[in-house]
Protein backbone atom coordinates (compact mmCIF):
# COMPACT_ATOMS: atom_id res chain seq x y z
CA MET A 1 98.73 121.11 67.11
CA ILE A 2 95.09 120.56 66.01
CA LYS A 3 95.61 122.74 62.94
CA LYS A 4 98.74 120.80 62.02
CA CYS A 5 96.98 117.44 62.35
CA THR A 6 94.08 118.67 60.22
CA THR A 7 96.50 119.82 57.50
CA ILE A 8 98.23 116.43 57.51
CA LEU A 9 94.88 114.61 57.32
CA PHE A 10 93.75 116.59 54.28
CA ALA A 11 97.15 116.17 52.63
CA LEU A 12 96.98 112.39 53.06
CA PHE A 13 93.43 112.35 51.72
CA PHE A 14 94.40 114.10 48.50
CA ALA A 15 97.71 112.28 48.16
CA VAL A 16 96.06 108.87 47.73
CA SER A 17 93.50 110.25 45.27
CA THR A 18 94.96 109.34 41.92
CA SER A 19 91.74 108.38 40.19
CA VAL A 20 88.33 109.90 40.84
CA TRP A 21 84.82 110.16 39.51
CA ALA A 22 83.40 113.64 39.84
CA GLN A 23 80.63 114.51 42.31
CA TYR A 24 79.89 112.63 45.51
CA ILE A 25 76.28 113.81 45.60
CA PRO A 26 73.42 111.49 46.65
CA GLN A 27 70.70 110.87 44.10
CA SER A 28 67.34 111.04 45.86
CA VAL A 29 65.59 107.70 46.28
CA GLN A 30 62.41 109.42 45.09
CA TYR A 31 63.87 109.39 41.56
CA THR A 32 62.74 105.80 41.18
CA GLN A 33 63.26 105.56 37.40
CA ILE A 34 67.07 105.60 37.55
CA TYR A 35 67.06 103.12 40.44
CA ASP A 36 64.79 100.78 38.49
CA PHE A 37 67.04 101.00 35.44
CA LEU A 38 70.22 100.26 37.40
CA ASP A 39 68.51 97.33 39.10
CA GLU A 40 67.47 96.01 35.68
CA LEU A 41 71.07 96.25 34.44
CA ALA A 42 72.29 94.41 37.54
CA GLY A 43 69.66 91.70 36.99
CA GLU A 44 71.01 91.19 33.47
CA GLY A 45 74.52 90.77 34.88
CA ILE A 46 75.81 93.86 33.07
CA ILE A 47 76.76 95.75 36.24
CA HIS A 48 77.27 94.85 39.90
CA LEU A 49 75.40 96.80 42.59
CA ASN A 50 75.28 96.95 46.35
CA SER A 51 71.56 97.65 46.35
CA ALA A 52 71.27 97.25 50.14
CA ILE A 53 72.53 100.82 50.64
CA LYS A 54 70.72 103.80 49.14
CA PRO A 55 70.82 106.52 48.01
CA TYR A 56 73.51 105.93 45.42
CA ASN A 57 75.71 108.91 44.77
CA ARG A 58 75.76 110.42 41.31
CA ASN A 59 79.36 109.47 40.60
CA LEU A 60 78.50 105.80 41.23
CA ILE A 61 75.50 106.00 38.91
CA ALA A 62 77.62 107.62 36.19
CA GLN A 63 80.20 104.87 36.60
CA LYS A 64 77.58 102.12 36.26
CA LEU A 65 76.07 103.77 33.18
CA THR A 66 79.53 103.88 31.63
CA GLU A 67 80.00 100.18 32.36
CA ALA A 68 76.67 99.47 30.66
CA GLN A 69 77.68 101.57 27.65
CA ALA A 70 80.78 99.39 27.25
CA ALA A 71 78.51 96.34 27.08
CA ASP A 72 75.69 97.86 24.99
CA SER A 73 75.68 94.88 22.66
CA LEU A 74 73.91 93.03 25.50
CA LEU A 75 71.11 95.59 25.71
CA ASN A 76 67.84 95.57 23.82
CA LYS A 77 66.54 98.54 21.84
CA ARG A 78 64.59 100.09 24.71
CA GLN A 79 67.46 99.65 27.18
CA LYS A 80 69.89 101.36 24.78
CA ALA A 81 67.51 104.31 24.47
CA ASP A 82 67.17 104.49 28.27
CA LEU A 83 70.94 104.35 28.64
CA ARG A 84 71.47 107.30 26.30
CA PHE A 85 68.72 109.19 28.09
CA TYR A 86 70.18 108.73 31.57
CA MET A 87 73.76 109.37 30.46
CA ASN A 88 72.60 112.79 29.30
CA ASP A 89 71.16 113.43 32.79
CA PHE A 90 74.53 112.52 34.33
CA ALA A 91 76.59 114.35 31.71
CA LEU A 92 78.36 116.62 34.21
CA GLU A 93 79.57 113.58 36.15
CA LEU A 94 80.95 112.30 32.85
CA ASP A 95 82.77 115.60 32.15
CA THR A 96 80.43 116.82 29.41
CA ILE A 97 77.63 119.35 29.03
CA PRO A 98 74.15 117.79 28.64
CA ASP A 99 72.02 118.24 25.53
CA ASN A 100 68.72 119.98 26.23
CA TYR A 101 65.80 121.49 24.32
CA VAL A 102 65.54 125.23 23.54
CA GLU A 103 69.01 125.88 24.88
CA TRP A 104 71.75 128.45 24.88
CA THR A 105 75.12 126.76 25.14
CA ASP A 106 78.72 126.89 24.01
CA ARG A 107 78.82 123.06 24.12
CA ARG A 108 81.91 123.10 26.34
CA THR A 109 81.42 125.15 29.51
CA PHE A 110 77.75 126.00 30.05
CA ASN A 111 74.18 125.21 29.07
CA LEU A 112 71.03 127.20 29.80
CA SER A 113 67.83 125.41 28.84
CA LEU A 114 64.27 126.73 28.86
CA ALA A 115 62.04 123.89 27.67
CA GLN A 116 64.02 121.52 29.87
CA PRO A 117 64.66 124.11 32.59
CA ALA A 118 68.17 123.88 34.00
CA PHE A 119 71.52 125.62 34.06
CA HIS A 120 74.76 123.65 33.88
CA ALA A 121 78.30 125.03 33.96
CA MET A 122 81.77 123.55 33.91
CA THR A 123 85.21 125.11 33.70
CA LYS A 124 87.47 124.03 30.86
CA ASP A 125 89.81 122.22 33.25
CA ARG A 126 86.78 120.43 34.78
CA LYS A 127 87.79 121.52 38.28
CA PHE A 128 84.45 123.16 38.95
CA LYS A 129 81.01 121.89 37.94
CA PHE A 130 77.67 123.42 38.78
CA SER A 131 74.00 122.77 38.06
CA LEU A 132 70.81 124.55 39.06
CA ARG A 133 67.30 123.22 38.44
CA PRO A 134 63.88 124.64 39.30
CA ILE A 135 61.37 122.33 40.99
CA LEU A 136 57.69 122.56 40.15
CA GLY A 137 54.88 120.03 40.23
CA MET A 138 51.26 119.21 40.95
CA ASP A 139 49.29 116.02 41.59
CA ILE A 140 45.49 115.96 41.57
CA TYR A 141 43.63 113.18 43.39
CA ALA A 142 39.93 112.62 42.78
CA SER A 143 37.44 110.18 44.29
CA LYS A 144 33.82 110.15 45.42
CA LYS A 145 35.02 111.86 48.60
CA GLY A 146 36.28 114.88 46.68
CA ALA A 147 39.49 116.20 45.13
CA VAL A 148 42.86 116.73 46.76
CA ILE A 149 45.60 118.83 45.21
CA LYS A 150 49.24 118.39 46.07
CA ARG A 151 51.54 121.09 44.75
CA TRP A 152 55.22 121.79 45.29
CA TYR A 153 57.86 124.21 44.08
CA GLY A 154 61.47 125.02 44.85
CA ALA A 155 64.97 124.58 43.44
CA GLU A 156 68.04 122.41 43.76
CA LEU A 157 71.71 123.07 43.12
CA GLN A 158 74.78 120.87 42.94
CA ALA A 159 78.44 121.79 42.74
CA ASP A 160 81.71 119.91 42.56
CA ILE A 161 85.08 121.49 43.33
CA VAL A 162 88.53 120.15 42.32
CA ASN A 163 87.18 116.58 42.10
CA HIS A 164 87.24 116.19 45.88
CA VAL A 165 84.54 118.42 47.37
CA SER A 166 80.83 118.27 46.60
CA ILE A 167 78.14 120.67 47.80
CA TRP A 168 74.44 120.25 47.18
CA GLY A 169 71.12 121.54 48.42
CA SER A 170 67.42 121.59 47.59
CA LEU A 171 64.22 123.14 48.92
CA ARG A 172 60.68 122.02 48.22
CA ASP A 173 57.64 123.84 49.58
CA ILE A 174 54.72 121.40 49.55
CA SER A 175 51.05 121.54 50.45
CA TRP A 176 47.96 119.34 50.43
CA ASN A 177 44.67 121.10 49.84
CA GLY A 178 41.15 120.31 48.67
CA THR A 179 38.45 118.13 50.14
CA ALA A 180 36.90 119.03 53.47
CA LEU A 181 38.03 115.62 54.74
CA LEU A 182 41.47 117.13 55.22
CA SER A 183 40.25 119.92 57.49
CA ASP A 184 40.32 119.88 61.27
CA LYS A 185 36.54 119.98 61.80
CA TYR A 186 36.06 116.66 60.01
CA TYR A 187 38.69 114.86 62.01
CA PRO A 188 37.51 112.34 64.65
CA SER A 189 37.21 113.97 68.08
CA ASP A 190 39.40 111.28 69.68
CA TYR A 191 42.31 112.81 67.80
CA ALA A 192 41.44 116.50 68.11
CA GLN A 193 45.03 117.33 68.96
CA ALA A 194 46.31 115.79 65.75
CA GLU A 195 45.94 119.03 63.76
CA GLY A 196 43.58 117.74 61.13
CA ALA A 197 43.02 114.73 58.94
CA LYS A 198 46.33 114.65 57.13
CA LEU A 199 47.08 111.99 54.54
CA THR A 200 50.32 110.96 56.17
CA ARG A 201 51.13 110.64 59.86
CA GLY A 202 53.42 108.51 61.94
CA ARG A 203 50.64 106.17 63.01
CA TYR A 204 49.10 105.79 59.54
CA LEU A 205 49.93 102.53 57.79
CA ASN A 206 50.77 103.78 54.32
CA ASN A 207 53.95 104.21 52.32
CA LEU A 208 53.72 107.96 51.74
CA PRO A 209 56.84 109.94 52.71
CA GLY A 210 56.74 111.24 56.26
CA VAL A 211 56.63 114.98 56.88
CA GLN A 212 56.54 117.50 59.69
CA TYR A 213 53.49 119.67 59.07
CA LYS A 214 53.37 123.40 59.67
CA GLU A 215 50.25 125.13 61.01
CA ALA A 216 47.35 124.59 58.59
CA THR A 217 43.74 123.64 59.22
CA TYR A 218 42.77 122.90 55.62
CA GLY A 219 45.06 119.99 54.78
CA GLY A 220 48.77 120.33 55.27
CA ASP A 221 51.73 122.56 54.53
CA PHE A 222 55.31 121.44 54.91
CA SER A 223 58.73 122.11 53.45
CA ASP A 224 61.60 119.79 52.71
CA SER A 225 65.14 121.15 52.71
CA LYS A 226 67.99 118.74 52.02
CA GLY A 227 71.65 119.15 51.29
CA GLY A 228 75.18 118.58 52.44
CA ILE A 229 78.89 118.83 51.86
CA ALA A 230 81.20 115.90 51.19
CA LEU A 231 84.93 115.33 51.00
CA TYR A 232 85.59 112.31 48.79
CA SER A 233 88.01 110.24 46.77
CA TRP A 234 87.80 107.09 44.65
CA TRP A 235 87.80 104.87 47.76
CA GLY A 236 85.05 106.62 49.71
CA GLY A 237 83.99 109.83 51.36
CA ILE A 238 82.86 111.60 54.50
CA SER A 239 79.94 114.03 54.55
CA VAL A 240 77.64 116.16 56.64
CA GLN A 241 74.18 115.96 55.10
CA ARG A 242 70.44 115.79 55.54
CA GLU A 243 69.01 113.05 53.35
CA ASN A 244 66.60 110.12 53.36
CA ILE A 245 68.49 106.85 53.53
CA VAL A 246 67.35 103.31 52.78
CA TRP A 247 69.14 100.24 54.13
CA GLY A 248 68.02 96.79 53.06
CA ASP A 249 66.97 95.44 49.66
CA ALA A 250 63.30 96.12 48.91
CA TYR A 251 61.12 97.32 46.05
CA HIS A 252 58.14 98.33 48.19
CA CYS A 253 59.45 99.17 51.68
CA SER A 254 62.53 98.05 53.59
CA ASN A 255 62.22 96.65 57.10
CA ILE A 256 65.61 98.02 58.25
CA LEU A 257 65.70 101.68 57.26
CA SER A 258 62.87 102.52 54.88
CA GLY A 259 63.64 106.22 54.31
CA ARG A 260 59.98 107.01 55.00
CA ASN A 261 60.64 109.19 58.05
CA PRO A 262 61.52 112.85 57.39
CA ALA A 263 65.18 113.18 56.45
CA VAL A 264 67.55 113.70 59.38
CA PRO A 265 70.89 115.52 59.62
CA MET A 266 73.85 113.19 59.94
CA VAL A 267 77.56 112.68 59.67
CA SER A 268 78.17 109.79 57.29
CA LEU A 269 81.14 107.73 56.17
CA LYS A 270 81.42 105.43 53.16
CA LEU A 271 84.46 103.26 52.38
CA HIS A 272 84.75 101.16 49.23
CA PRO A 273 88.46 100.37 48.90
CA VAL A 274 88.05 97.09 46.95
CA ARG A 275 85.39 95.59 44.71
CA TRP A 276 84.33 92.95 47.24
CA PHE A 277 83.90 95.12 50.35
CA GLU A 278 81.96 98.25 51.29
CA PHE A 279 81.44 99.92 54.67
CA ASN A 280 78.79 102.48 55.58
CA TYR A 281 78.29 104.41 58.82
CA PHE A 282 76.30 107.38 60.02
CA HIS A 283 75.57 109.25 63.22
CA ALA A 284 72.23 111.07 63.03
CA TRP A 285 70.37 113.67 65.05
CA LEU A 286 66.78 112.41 65.31
CA VAL A 287 63.62 114.33 66.28
CA SER A 288 62.06 112.78 69.38
CA ASN A 289 58.81 114.81 69.70
CA VAL A 290 59.06 113.94 73.41
CA ILE A 291 59.04 116.89 75.82
CA ASP A 292 62.00 117.34 78.14
CA SER A 293 60.37 118.99 81.16
CA THR A 294 63.74 120.29 82.39
CA TYR A 295 64.59 122.05 79.12
CA THR A 296 62.55 125.26 78.88
CA TYR A 297 62.77 128.93 78.00
CA GLN A 298 60.54 131.89 78.79
CA GLU A 299 58.76 134.14 76.31
CA HIS A 300 57.52 137.66 77.08
CA TYR A 301 54.01 137.08 75.73
CA ALA A 302 51.99 140.07 77.01
CA GLU A 303 52.16 142.78 79.61
CA GLY A 304 53.00 140.96 82.83
CA VAL A 305 52.57 137.56 81.15
CA THR A 306 55.28 135.07 80.32
CA LYS A 307 54.97 131.75 78.56
CA THR A 308 57.04 128.66 79.26
CA HIS A 309 58.11 126.75 76.17
CA TYR A 310 59.29 123.15 76.46
CA ARG A 311 61.82 121.69 74.08
CA SER A 312 62.00 118.10 72.93
CA ALA A 313 64.41 115.61 74.42
CA ALA A 314 67.61 114.99 72.49
CA LYS A 315 67.68 111.79 70.45
CA TYR A 316 70.43 110.29 68.32
CA MET A 317 71.20 107.24 66.24
CA ALA A 318 74.41 105.54 65.17
CA ALA A 319 74.49 102.70 62.64
CA ASN A 320 76.96 100.75 60.53
CA MET A 321 76.71 98.22 57.74
CA PHE A 322 79.41 95.90 56.37
CA THR A 323 78.79 94.57 52.87
CA PHE A 324 80.74 91.71 51.31
CA SER A 325 80.57 90.49 47.72
CA PRO A 326 82.63 87.27 47.56
CA VAL A 327 81.51 86.72 43.97
CA ARG A 328 80.32 89.30 41.48
CA LYS A 329 76.55 88.74 41.71
CA LEU A 330 76.23 87.84 45.39
CA SER A 331 76.22 90.32 48.30
CA PHE A 332 75.49 89.99 51.96
CA SER A 333 75.50 92.67 54.63
CA LEU A 334 75.45 92.80 58.38
CA GLY A 335 75.31 95.73 60.72
CA ASN A 336 74.00 97.15 63.95
CA SER A 337 72.59 100.39 65.26
CA ILE A 338 71.60 102.15 68.43
CA VAL A 339 68.99 104.78 69.19
CA TYR A 340 70.02 106.69 72.29
CA ALA A 341 68.86 109.70 74.29
CA GLU A 342 71.55 111.69 76.08
CA ARG A 343 71.85 115.40 76.76
CA ASN A 344 74.72 115.49 74.27
CA PRO A 345 76.02 113.17 71.56
CA GLN A 346 77.95 110.27 73.06
CA ALA A 347 81.54 110.06 71.76
CA ALA A 348 81.55 106.25 71.93
CA TYR A 349 78.89 106.07 69.22
CA PHE A 350 81.06 108.05 66.83
CA ILE A 351 83.27 104.95 66.54
CA PRO A 352 82.25 103.68 63.09
CA ILE A 353 83.31 100.06 63.48
CA ALA A 354 81.73 99.11 66.80
CA PHE A 355 79.16 96.81 68.35
CA TYR A 356 76.95 99.41 69.96
CA LYS A 357 75.11 97.15 72.41
CA SER A 358 78.42 96.33 74.06
CA LEU A 359 79.27 100.02 74.36
CA ASP A 360 75.78 100.64 75.74
CA HIS A 361 76.33 98.12 78.53
CA LEU A 362 79.62 99.78 79.40
CA LEU A 363 77.94 103.19 79.67
CA THR A 364 74.70 102.28 81.49
CA LYS A 365 74.89 99.02 83.47
CA GLY A 366 77.07 100.42 86.25
CA MET A 367 74.21 102.75 87.21
CA ARG A 368 71.59 99.97 87.14
CA VAL A 369 69.46 101.97 84.71
CA GLU A 370 67.61 101.02 81.55
CA ASN A 371 69.99 100.66 78.62
CA GLN A 372 69.52 102.34 75.23
CA ASN A 373 67.76 100.78 72.24
CA SER A 374 70.05 98.71 69.99
CA GLN A 375 69.34 96.64 66.87
CA LEU A 376 70.99 94.08 64.59
CA PHE A 377 70.28 93.48 60.91
CA PHE A 378 71.33 91.19 58.07
CA THR A 379 70.69 91.18 54.32
CA ILE A 380 71.50 88.90 51.40
CA ASN A 381 71.03 89.51 47.69
CA THR A 382 71.81 87.20 44.79
CA ARG A 383 71.62 87.80 41.06
CA ASN A 384 73.54 84.66 40.11
CA LEU A 385 70.70 83.53 37.88
CA LYS A 386 70.36 85.90 34.95
CA HIS A 387 67.14 87.95 35.00
CA LEU A 388 66.40 86.96 38.64
CA ASN A 389 67.09 88.96 41.79
CA VAL A 390 66.35 87.20 45.10
CA TYR A 391 66.83 89.02 48.39
CA ALA A 392 66.06 88.80 52.09
CA SER A 393 66.66 90.89 55.20
CA VAL A 394 66.24 90.36 58.94
CA PHE A 395 65.81 93.10 61.55
CA VAL A 396 66.49 92.00 65.14
CA ASP A 397 65.15 94.27 67.84
CA GLU A 398 65.88 91.82 70.65
CA PHE A 399 66.98 88.19 70.62
CA LYS A 400 67.38 85.37 73.15
CA PHE A 401 68.13 81.78 72.16
CA ASP A 402 65.89 80.26 74.85
CA ARG A 403 62.88 81.85 73.13
CA LEU A 404 63.48 79.44 70.24
CA LYS A 405 62.61 76.47 72.46
CA LYS A 406 59.21 74.88 71.89
CA ASN A 407 58.29 75.06 75.58
CA ASN A 408 58.92 78.82 75.68
CA PRO A 409 55.86 80.78 74.48
CA ALA A 410 57.80 84.05 74.16
CA HIS A 411 58.78 85.21 70.66
CA ASN A 412 61.80 87.31 69.74
CA PRO A 413 60.86 90.79 68.47
CA VAL A 414 62.23 90.45 64.94
CA SER A 415 61.03 91.13 61.42
CA TYR A 416 61.97 89.49 58.17
CA LEU A 417 61.45 90.38 54.53
CA VAL A 418 61.89 88.22 51.42
CA GLY A 419 61.32 89.02 47.78
CA PHE A 420 62.30 88.53 44.16
CA ASN A 421 62.31 90.38 40.86
CA LEU A 422 62.22 88.52 37.55
CA SER A 423 62.93 90.84 34.63
CA ASN A 424 63.19 90.48 30.85
CA TRP A 425 62.25 86.80 30.95
CA PRO A 426 60.39 85.18 29.34
CA LEU A 427 59.35 88.47 27.73
CA GLN A 428 61.61 91.45 27.06
CA ASN A 429 60.86 94.68 28.97
CA LEU A 430 58.57 92.87 31.42
CA SER A 431 59.29 92.42 35.12
CA VAL A 432 57.48 90.59 37.91
CA LYS A 433 58.10 91.46 41.56
CA ALA A 434 56.85 89.98 44.82
CA GLU A 435 57.69 90.92 48.42
CA PHE A 436 56.61 89.55 51.80
CA MET A 437 57.27 91.10 55.22
CA ARG A 438 56.34 90.05 58.72
CA ALA A 439 57.19 91.73 62.03
CA ASN A 440 56.66 90.08 65.41
CA VAL A 441 55.05 91.65 68.48
CA ALA A 442 57.09 94.50 70.09
CA ASN A 443 59.39 94.90 67.10
CA TYR A 444 60.50 98.55 66.60
CA THR A 445 58.87 99.56 69.93
CA HIS A 446 60.25 100.49 73.35
CA SER A 447 58.93 101.17 76.84
CA ILE A 448 60.69 104.56 76.85
CA ASP A 449 59.13 106.79 74.19
CA VAL A 450 62.28 108.75 73.46
CA LEU A 451 64.12 105.50 72.63
CA SER A 452 61.60 104.21 70.11
CA TYR A 453 62.77 103.38 66.57
CA THR A 454 61.22 106.58 65.22
CA SER A 455 62.01 110.13 64.17
CA ASN A 456 59.28 112.80 64.06
CA ASP A 457 56.99 109.95 65.26
CA TYR A 458 57.53 108.05 61.97
CA LEU A 459 58.90 104.53 62.08
CA MET A 460 62.34 104.32 60.53
CA GLY A 461 61.70 100.68 59.65
CA HIS A 462 58.76 99.21 57.72
CA TYR A 463 55.69 101.44 57.83
CA MET A 464 53.49 98.56 59.06
CA GLY A 465 55.23 98.42 62.43
CA ASP A 466 55.06 95.45 64.79
CA ASN A 467 52.74 92.42 64.72
CA ALA A 468 51.99 93.14 61.08
CA GLN A 469 52.24 91.65 57.62
CA ASN A 470 52.75 93.18 54.20
CA ILE A 471 52.38 91.52 50.79
CA PHE A 472 53.34 93.34 47.61
CA ALA A 473 53.23 92.10 44.02
CA GLU A 474 53.75 94.00 40.78
CA ILE A 475 53.89 93.44 37.04
CA LYS A 476 55.68 96.21 35.15
CA TYR A 477 56.07 96.70 31.41
CA LYS A 478 58.38 99.22 29.73
CA PRO A 479 57.42 99.32 26.04
CA VAL A 480 59.52 102.35 25.06
CA ARG A 481 62.12 104.70 26.51
CA GLY A 482 60.93 106.49 29.63
CA LEU A 483 57.50 104.83 29.86
CA SER A 484 56.59 102.30 32.54
CA LEU A 485 53.16 100.68 33.04
CA ALA A 486 52.66 98.83 36.31
CA PHE A 487 49.85 96.80 37.87
CA SER A 488 50.30 96.11 41.58
CA TYR A 489 48.57 94.56 44.57
CA THR A 490 49.33 95.47 48.18
CA ASN A 491 47.94 93.80 51.28
CA ASP A 492 48.55 95.58 54.60
CA THR A 493 47.41 93.66 57.68
CA LYS A 494 47.82 94.78 61.29
CA TYR A 495 47.11 92.32 64.07
CA ASN A 496 46.56 92.75 67.83
CA ASN A 497 47.95 96.14 68.81
CA TYR A 498 50.06 96.26 71.97
CA ASN A 499 51.73 99.04 73.92
CA TYR A 500 55.20 98.26 75.27
CA LEU A 501 54.81 97.96 79.06
CA ARG A 502 58.08 96.95 80.69
CA SER A 503 56.42 95.03 83.56
CA GLU A 504 54.19 93.12 81.12
CA ILE A 505 56.54 92.64 78.19
CA ILE A 506 57.15 88.91 78.72
CA ASN A 507 53.42 88.26 78.69
CA ILE A 508 52.99 90.52 75.66
CA ILE A 509 55.66 88.81 73.53
CA SER A 510 54.26 85.44 74.64
CA GLN A 511 51.01 86.19 72.82
CA LYS A 512 50.60 84.43 69.50
CA PRO A 513 51.67 86.84 66.74
CA PHE A 514 49.41 87.38 63.73
CA ALA A 515 46.43 86.07 65.69
CA GLU A 516 43.55 88.54 65.25
CA ARG A 517 43.28 91.31 62.68
CA THR A 518 42.72 94.89 63.80
CA TYR A 519 43.18 96.55 60.39
CA GLN A 520 43.49 95.52 56.76
CA ASN A 521 43.86 97.46 53.55
CA ASP A 522 43.84 95.85 50.11
CA ILE A 523 45.09 98.03 47.27
CA PHE A 524 44.91 97.35 43.54
CA ALA A 525 46.73 99.98 41.49
CA PHE A 526 47.68 100.89 37.95
CA ASP A 527 50.58 103.33 37.49
CA ALA A 528 51.74 104.94 34.25
CA VAL A 529 54.87 107.10 34.40
CA TYR A 530 56.45 108.78 31.43
CA GLU A 531 59.65 110.78 31.73
CA VAL A 532 59.13 113.28 28.91
CA PHE A 533 62.68 114.54 29.19
CA ASN A 534 65.25 114.41 31.97
CA ASN A 535 63.54 115.25 35.27
CA CYS A 536 60.13 115.98 33.74
CA TYR A 537 57.40 113.46 34.57
CA ALA A 538 53.81 112.83 33.60
CA VAL A 539 52.07 110.44 36.01
CA ILE A 540 48.69 108.68 36.03
CA ASN A 541 47.54 106.45 38.89
CA MET A 542 44.27 104.56 39.24
CA GLN A 543 43.73 102.84 42.55
CA TYR A 544 41.07 100.82 44.31
CA ASN A 545 41.50 100.27 48.02
CA ASN A 546 39.42 98.75 50.79
CA ALA A 547 40.54 99.83 54.28
CA ARG A 548 38.62 98.45 57.26
CA GLY A 549 38.99 97.86 60.98
CA PHE A 550 38.36 94.67 62.92
CA ALA A 551 37.49 94.02 66.55
CA PRO A 552 39.43 91.23 68.31
CA THR A 553 37.21 88.85 70.26
CA SER A 554 39.81 87.32 72.60
CA GLU A 555 40.20 88.44 76.21
CA LYS A 556 42.12 91.72 76.48
CA ILE A 557 45.51 91.50 78.19
CA ALA A 558 47.46 94.21 79.99
CA GLY A 559 49.15 96.44 77.44
CA GLU A 560 46.75 95.70 74.57
CA ASP A 561 45.33 98.80 72.90
CA ARG A 562 41.55 98.54 72.58
CA GLY A 563 40.51 102.15 72.95
CA ALA A 564 41.78 105.64 73.70
CA ASN A 565 41.89 107.39 77.08
CA ASN A 566 41.67 104.11 79.06
CA THR A 567 38.25 103.40 77.56
CA GLU A 568 37.88 99.82 76.38
CA LEU A 569 35.84 99.56 73.19
CA SER A 570 34.28 96.60 71.43
CA GLY A 571 32.31 95.76 68.33
CA GLU A 572 31.81 98.45 65.69
CA ALA A 573 33.22 101.17 67.96
CA LEU A 574 36.51 99.27 68.23
CA GLN A 575 36.56 98.62 64.49
CA GLN A 576 36.21 102.35 63.81
CA TYR A 577 38.84 103.13 66.44
CA TYR A 578 41.44 101.04 64.62
CA LEU A 579 40.37 102.40 61.25
CA ASP A 580 40.79 105.99 62.48
CA LYS A 581 44.10 105.10 64.08
CA PHE A 582 45.70 103.50 61.04
CA ALA A 583 44.10 105.15 57.97
CA PRO A 584 43.33 108.75 56.95
CA LEU A 585 39.65 109.50 56.33
CA TYR A 586 40.27 110.00 52.63
CA TRP A 587 41.17 106.32 52.16
CA GLN A 588 38.88 104.67 54.71
CA GLY A 589 36.43 102.10 53.38
CA LYS A 590 36.11 101.28 49.67
CA ASN A 591 37.51 103.92 47.33
CA PHE A 592 38.38 104.35 43.69
CA THR A 593 40.93 107.14 43.39
CA PHE A 594 42.27 108.69 40.20
CA MET A 595 45.46 110.73 40.25
CA CYS A 596 47.29 112.61 37.51
CA GLY A 597 50.32 114.82 37.82
CA LEU A 598 53.13 116.62 36.06
CA SER A 599 56.41 117.74 37.58
CA PHE A 600 59.78 119.25 36.77
CA SER A 601 62.14 117.35 39.08
CA PHE A 602 60.55 114.81 41.37
C-alpha cells in the first residue's frame, strides 16, 4: 500500500510539471556578488524578488537574469556587462555551455576549462546536466599583533536529472594559522576549556561564519560539507539538505535567521504556485552541545579500563514563513518557529502550515512541565520608489500585551531591525546602505540550555544577541564589471549581560534595556572585491577597529553576569572580563588590520 501511494505521489508531481527551469540547487549566501546584483536589479524595478528568504536557488537566479536581459535597455553600461558575466556563470541553468578561458569544449555538450577551472557537461536532450569545480583560496591578515593565514581547499559538484531532480554537494577544508595569539597558551585562563583563542566562537560578537572546530592548539581547523537532493517542479520543491539559510531582509545581519551558525541538516519545502504568494518551511536537526547524562556508550580504552562517553541531547527546529506580494514591489512575510528537545523528532512539528506554540501547549501542558521555545517573526520590504529599498523585521521571543502598559516595568523580549538601500541615485553605480538593530533583554535566550535559540552554541538570530544594538552603514561604488569598492562603519554595543533565571525572569526583563554598556566595538572598513572571472576573486580589506569592555556601576541584580565562577568583578577586571567574553584577542583594543586574498570559488 505504501509503495502504491508513493508511486501515485510521484506520478502526480510529474504530471503537473509542464514548464520548468532546470536545477533546484541553492546558491550559497557567501557568494555575495550575485545577491548584490539581483538586489540592485530589484531596486531598479527590473525584477521582483522575495529577498526575505535566502539562499535563492540557481534556477530562480537564472530566471531573474533572463528577465533582466529582456529589459536590458533599462540597464547602464556596467550593469549590462555584469548581466552578461553572471549569465555565463548560470549557463547550464539556461541550457547552454558556459564560455571559459583555456578550454576544451565541443560547444554543445561539455566544457573543460583550466584557467577558469571547472568541468561542465550536458546531454544533447538537456535531461542531464553536471558541473564540477575545485575550491582553493587563501586570506592573509596582518596587524601589529602578527599575521594570520586562512586557507581552504575542496570541491563542489552539481547535477540535474530529467528537469525534476537536483543533487549537489561541496566540501571545504579550512584552517586558521599564524600569530601566537591564536594558540591555547595565550588564551585567558578563565576560558582554558575553550580550546584556544579562536577568531570565531558562539559568544564572540562578530559576523564571521560560525564553525565547529576540530582539535588544534595553534589556531583552528574545521571542515564544511554541504549538499542535498531535491525533487522540484515549476511551482516549488521538497529537499533534504544541509545549508545555511537566511530569513529576514538585511544587508549586514538578519535578526530572524542570520545563517551565521554552522549549517544544519534539514527537510525543507518551498511552494510558489502564484506570483503573489510563496511559502517556505523546514524541519532541522540542530546541535545542542548539551550533554544528555542518560545517553552514553562505553569504550575499551586500555587493559581493564573503560571510558564512558556522553552524547549531546537531541535538539530540533521547525519553522515556516508565508510571504505575500499584493503589488509587484511590495512584500510582507509572517511566520513562526519552535526549538524543541525531545528524544525523537515530534511528528506534530512536521506539519508545515501550523502555529507551533499551540501544538506545544497540546503536547506539554497536560504534564505541567516547561513548554518548548517558540518564536514569531514578521518582515516587510518595499521597493515602490525606484532606486530605494526600505525594509524592517521583528523577532518576537515572547509577548504579553500587559507589558505594553506604562505602569508595567517589564519589557517583551523582542528585537527589531530597520534599514534602507539607495542605489544608482543620484549617481550611477553608487549605493548607500544603513541598518539599525536592537534586541531587548532575554531575547533569543532560555532558562533551559538545550532550548536556546542556538546551534553549535552559535545564535541563529543576530550575532549581537540580547540587550544589544547594532548600527551598520556602507557606501559602495561599482565603477566597472566585477569590481566593488565599499566604505563601511559598524557599531556593536552590548549592554548589561543577564543569564536567564526562571525564578528571576520578571525582575530581569523589568530592568531598563540599553542602560549600561558592557562592550563596544567600532569598525571602520574599506573593502575592494574584484571577480576576475566567474568564481575567482581578489579581495583587499583594510580595517580599523576599537573593541573595549565597560564596567557597569549600578547595583548587581540576581541573574546579571559580572564575573565567571560566581566571582563578582568590578572596575578594570570586569572590563577585561567582558572584553575576553565578547572579542577574540586578535581584535581586542585598537587595531589596524590589512587583509588580502585570492580564491577559486568562495
